[in-house]
């Protein structure tokens, strides 16, 4: 059993699991990372190979959290020749009064002003003239924040995987679905299809499969599942480039909770002749991650295509190909990410660290540090009060 005994077992080998393993390995903690699929897969919220790094947020603590992540991105960058953050800037624009799951423009400006983040206010005319959009309502406003970037997610995952493989303290096991978790003498016995592993502490970061694991510990989180669509539009002007961007608008269709779209620049690691545009809403949330189809909702695509045709330039009118990603979202308004220890009602809760729900791509290396801090030290210098599990809808299933 000694070979199967670890200081920490990380359940979930996506971006956060690999980042946590990397940080644990730097502290010489004997660590096991279990992944139910292959490492670097397309089954969860890391589907696709680009993410947005952006500083605009409606809450000051989120702006500070993004800034806190920068030194960790810089450190990870020293381990690869690939550019992890392609700094193209962040553009937010639309109706300044509209509030969505991503916040709103006015609140983001206030939060950045409090922290001292520089940005450029824009009118609708300036957005059209400088960033290739068209036919925007005249009352739209916007902001451009120059530190925004497109995250090379593939290179980030590859770099983290390589660092874990190089660590003498970290063991990686893929195709290991966790079937049972039992506790004996304050230790966690984790059984997969192949064998049983033991650790004093566990970190639970399985992305959209969060409740598959938490139910084995006799609790769960109240979530909804989104299978989100993306569309890739071929450029008709090879030299055209967009920043990363969000547009905020009032809903235009009955039953449509948001009218939020976002997009990415063309990048060398992800179809360089194409621009990716996606809706940041779904028409039919899922109740279980196994309901995923890998097929974009046609109505969501239709709204996206219509928006691109009406408001973007230099692109063909219909996408050449599409994709989806799956994400679990908290049902708590404006509190998408849940981070901390298991609820106190769960035995040995102080040795169960959980990061669940929401979009965390821009925080990957920082969250790896925070999760390793919590696992090894029981605390972290970063303020987690806004994400505390005790304030969320985690529920006992006993």
Foldseek 3Di string as FASTA:
>chain_A
DVVQEFAEEEEAQELQLLLLLLQLLVVLGQYEYEAQADQPDQQFQCHDFKDKLDQQALALLSNVLLVVQVVLQVVLCVQDPDDFWAQPWEKEKAQQVFQDLRGGAVSSVVSCVVVVQDKAKAFPVRCCVPFFWDDGPRNMIMIIHRRMTMGRRVVSSVSSVVSQVPRPRYDYDYSWDWDAWDDDPQWTWTDTPPGIHIHNFYEYDHFQCRQVPVVNLQKGADWWKDWWKKFKWFFQDLPRWGDWYKYFYDDDDPQWPGLIKIWHTQDPVHNNRIIMITHPGANDIDPHSVPDDQDDDPVRQVSRLVSCVNIGPRTDSHGPDMTIHMGIAHPDRNQGWAWAWDDPVGPSRQRYTYIGGDDCVSNSNVSSNQSNCSNPPVGDPRDCVSRYPVPHRMGGND
